[in-house]
N, C-alpha and C. Protein backbone atom coordinates (compact mmCIF):
# COMPACT_ATOMS: atom_id res chain seq x y z
N MET A 1 4.39 -6.89 9.34
CA MET A 1 3.84 -6.20 8.23
C MET A 1 3.98 -7.02 6.95
N ARG A 2 5.18 -7.31 6.59
CA ARG A 2 5.41 -8.02 5.33
C ARG A 2 4.85 -9.43 5.36
N SER A 3 4.75 -10.03 6.54
CA SER A 3 4.22 -11.38 6.61
C SER A 3 2.77 -11.42 6.16
N ALA A 4 2.05 -10.33 6.32
CA ALA A 4 0.67 -10.27 5.86
C ALA A 4 0.61 -10.40 4.34
N LEU A 5 1.62 -9.90 3.66
CA LEU A 5 1.66 -10.03 2.21
C LEU A 5 2.06 -11.43 1.79
N ARG A 6 2.99 -12.03 2.51
CA ARG A 6 3.48 -13.36 2.12
C ARG A 6 2.43 -14.44 2.29
N THR A 7 1.58 -14.30 3.29
CA THR A 7 0.62 -15.36 3.56
C THR A 7 -0.65 -15.24 2.73
N SER A 8 -0.77 -14.17 1.97
CA SER A 8 -1.98 -13.94 1.20
C SER A 8 -1.73 -14.20 -0.28
N ASP A 9 -2.77 -14.71 -0.95
CA ASP A 9 -2.68 -14.93 -2.39
C ASP A 9 -3.42 -13.82 -3.15
N ARG A 10 -3.65 -12.71 -2.49
CA ARG A 10 -4.39 -11.61 -3.10
C ARG A 10 -3.55 -10.93 -4.18
N SER A 11 -4.24 -10.44 -5.20
CA SER A 11 -3.53 -9.67 -6.22
C SER A 11 -3.74 -8.17 -6.01
N THR A 12 -4.78 -7.80 -5.23
CA THR A 12 -5.03 -6.39 -4.93
C THR A 12 -5.51 -6.26 -3.49
N TYR A 13 -5.38 -5.04 -2.98
CA TYR A 13 -5.83 -4.72 -1.62
C TYR A 13 -6.64 -3.44 -1.67
N THR A 14 -7.69 -3.35 -0.88
CA THR A 14 -8.44 -2.11 -0.78
C THR A 14 -7.55 -1.08 -0.08
N LEU A 15 -7.96 0.17 -0.16
CA LEU A 15 -7.18 1.21 0.52
C LEU A 15 -7.18 0.97 2.03
N ARG A 16 -8.28 0.49 2.57
CA ARG A 16 -8.35 0.21 4.00
C ARG A 16 -7.41 -0.94 4.38
N GLN A 17 -7.39 -1.99 3.57
CA GLN A 17 -6.49 -3.12 3.83
C GLN A 17 -5.03 -2.67 3.72
N THR A 18 -4.75 -1.85 2.73
CA THR A 18 -3.39 -1.34 2.54
C THR A 18 -2.96 -0.52 3.76
N ALA A 19 -3.86 0.32 4.25
CA ALA A 19 -3.56 1.13 5.43
C ALA A 19 -3.27 0.24 6.63
N SER A 20 -4.04 -0.82 6.79
CA SER A 20 -3.84 -1.73 7.91
C SER A 20 -2.47 -2.42 7.81
N ILE A 21 -2.10 -2.85 6.63
CA ILE A 21 -0.81 -3.51 6.43
C ILE A 21 0.34 -2.55 6.73
N LEU A 22 0.18 -1.29 6.30
CA LEU A 22 1.23 -0.31 6.49
C LEU A 22 1.22 0.32 7.88
N GLY A 23 0.13 0.14 8.60
CA GLY A 23 0.03 0.72 9.94
C GLY A 23 -0.21 2.22 9.92
N VAL A 24 -0.96 2.69 8.92
CA VAL A 24 -1.26 4.11 8.79
C VAL A 24 -2.77 4.27 8.61
N GLU A 25 -3.23 5.52 8.61
CA GLU A 25 -4.64 5.82 8.38
C GLU A 25 -4.97 5.65 6.89
N THR A 26 -6.23 5.37 6.61
CA THR A 26 -6.68 5.24 5.22
C THR A 26 -6.44 6.53 4.45
N ALA A 27 -6.61 7.67 5.12
CA ALA A 27 -6.38 8.96 4.46
C ALA A 27 -4.94 9.10 3.99
N THR A 28 -4.01 8.53 4.73
CA THR A 28 -2.60 8.58 4.34
C THR A 28 -2.37 7.78 3.06
N VAL A 29 -3.02 6.63 2.96
CA VAL A 29 -2.91 5.81 1.74
C VAL A 29 -3.55 6.56 0.57
N SER A 30 -4.72 7.17 0.80
CA SER A 30 -5.38 7.93 -0.26
C SER A 30 -4.49 9.06 -0.75
N ARG A 31 -3.83 9.73 0.17
CA ARG A 31 -2.92 10.82 -0.19
C ARG A 31 -1.75 10.29 -1.01
N ALA A 32 -1.20 9.16 -0.61
CA ALA A 32 -0.07 8.57 -1.35
C ALA A 32 -0.49 8.22 -2.77
N VAL A 33 -1.70 7.73 -2.93
CA VAL A 33 -2.22 7.42 -4.27
C VAL A 33 -2.38 8.71 -5.07
N ARG A 34 -2.98 9.71 -4.44
CA ARG A 34 -3.27 10.98 -5.12
C ARG A 34 -2.00 11.67 -5.61
N ILE A 35 -0.93 11.65 -4.81
CA ILE A 35 0.30 12.35 -5.21
C ILE A 35 1.24 11.47 -6.02
N GLY A 36 0.87 10.19 -6.20
CA GLY A 36 1.64 9.32 -7.07
C GLY A 36 2.71 8.47 -6.41
N ASN A 37 2.73 8.43 -5.08
CA ASN A 37 3.71 7.59 -4.39
C ASN A 37 3.30 6.13 -4.34
N LEU A 38 2.03 5.87 -4.55
CA LEU A 38 1.51 4.50 -4.51
C LEU A 38 0.53 4.34 -5.66
N ARG A 39 0.71 3.28 -6.43
CA ARG A 39 -0.15 3.03 -7.58
C ARG A 39 -1.45 2.37 -7.14
N ALA A 40 -2.55 2.82 -7.70
CA ALA A 40 -3.85 2.21 -7.46
C ALA A 40 -4.61 2.16 -8.79
N VAL A 41 -5.50 1.19 -8.91
CA VAL A 41 -6.29 1.03 -10.12
C VAL A 41 -7.76 0.89 -9.73
N LEU A 42 -8.63 1.21 -10.68
CA LEU A 42 -10.07 1.04 -10.44
C LEU A 42 -10.49 -0.39 -10.77
N ARG A 43 -11.14 -1.03 -9.83
CA ARG A 43 -11.70 -2.37 -10.04
C ARG A 43 -13.12 -2.36 -9.51
N ARG A 44 -14.06 -2.58 -10.41
CA ARG A 44 -15.48 -2.58 -10.03
C ARG A 44 -15.86 -1.29 -9.31
N GLY A 45 -15.32 -0.18 -9.79
CA GLY A 45 -15.66 1.12 -9.24
C GLY A 45 -14.96 1.50 -7.95
N ARG A 46 -14.01 0.68 -7.50
CA ARG A 46 -13.27 0.95 -6.27
C ARG A 46 -11.78 1.04 -6.57
N LEU A 47 -11.12 1.94 -5.86
CA LEU A 47 -9.66 2.00 -5.97
C LEU A 47 -9.05 0.86 -5.18
N VAL A 48 -8.16 0.13 -5.80
CA VAL A 48 -7.44 -0.94 -5.13
C VAL A 48 -5.96 -0.81 -5.45
N VAL A 49 -5.15 -1.30 -4.55
CA VAL A 49 -3.69 -1.23 -4.71
C VAL A 49 -3.20 -2.61 -5.15
N PRO A 50 -2.54 -2.70 -6.30
CA PRO A 50 -1.98 -3.98 -6.72
C PRO A 50 -0.95 -4.48 -5.70
N ALA A 51 -0.94 -5.76 -5.45
CA ALA A 51 -0.03 -6.34 -4.46
C ALA A 51 1.43 -6.03 -4.80
N ASN A 52 1.77 -6.05 -6.08
CA ASN A 52 3.17 -5.78 -6.44
C ASN A 52 3.57 -4.34 -6.13
N SER A 53 2.63 -3.40 -6.21
CA SER A 53 2.93 -2.01 -5.84
C SER A 53 3.18 -1.88 -4.35
N LEU A 54 2.39 -2.61 -3.57
CA LEU A 54 2.56 -2.58 -2.12
C LEU A 54 3.87 -3.25 -1.72
N THR A 55 4.20 -4.35 -2.36
CA THR A 55 5.45 -5.04 -2.09
C THR A 55 6.63 -4.15 -2.42
N ARG A 56 6.55 -3.44 -3.55
CA ARG A 56 7.62 -2.53 -3.96
C ARG A 56 7.77 -1.40 -2.94
N LEU A 57 6.65 -0.85 -2.47
CA LEU A 57 6.70 0.22 -1.48
C LEU A 57 7.35 -0.26 -0.19
N LEU A 58 7.01 -1.46 0.25
CA LEU A 58 7.57 -1.99 1.48
C LEU A 58 9.07 -2.28 1.35
N GLY A 59 9.52 -2.51 0.14
CA GLY A 59 10.93 -2.80 -0.08
C GLY A 59 11.81 -1.57 -0.17
N GLU A 60 11.19 -0.38 -0.32
CA GLU A 60 11.96 0.85 -0.44
C GLU A 60 12.36 1.36 0.93
N PRO A 61 13.55 1.95 1.03
CA PRO A 61 13.97 2.56 2.31
C PRO A 61 13.12 3.80 2.59
N ALA A 62 13.00 4.16 3.85
CA ALA A 62 12.24 5.33 4.25
C ALA A 62 12.89 6.58 3.68
N GLU A 63 12.06 7.61 3.38
CA GLU A 63 12.57 8.85 2.83
C GLU A 63 13.56 9.53 3.74
N ASN A 64 13.35 9.40 5.06
CA ASN A 64 14.24 10.07 6.00
C ASN A 64 15.45 9.22 6.35
N GLY A 65 15.66 8.18 5.60
CA GLY A 65 16.81 7.33 5.82
C GLY A 65 16.61 6.30 6.91
N GLY A 66 15.40 6.21 7.43
CA GLY A 66 15.10 5.22 8.45
C GLY A 66 15.54 5.61 9.83
N GLY A 67 16.09 6.80 9.98
CA GLY A 67 16.52 7.27 11.30
C GLY A 67 15.34 7.59 12.20
N ARG A 68 15.55 7.53 13.50
CA ARG A 68 14.45 7.83 14.42
C ARG A 68 14.74 9.04 15.24
């Protein structure tokens, strides 16, 4: 997952790209943006996720403590 971020020089990701990196559905990413858990900005009329926001999200521990 994180290696996809390291190898890219992108500054933003589409919601679909973000979902692919996180391994979730696009609707889940949209929901995270809507409720404020993930920052997104409008670029050329499309919502995109800044790379630093995605990196920050990946660095945070899971809400459930990471337990399975």
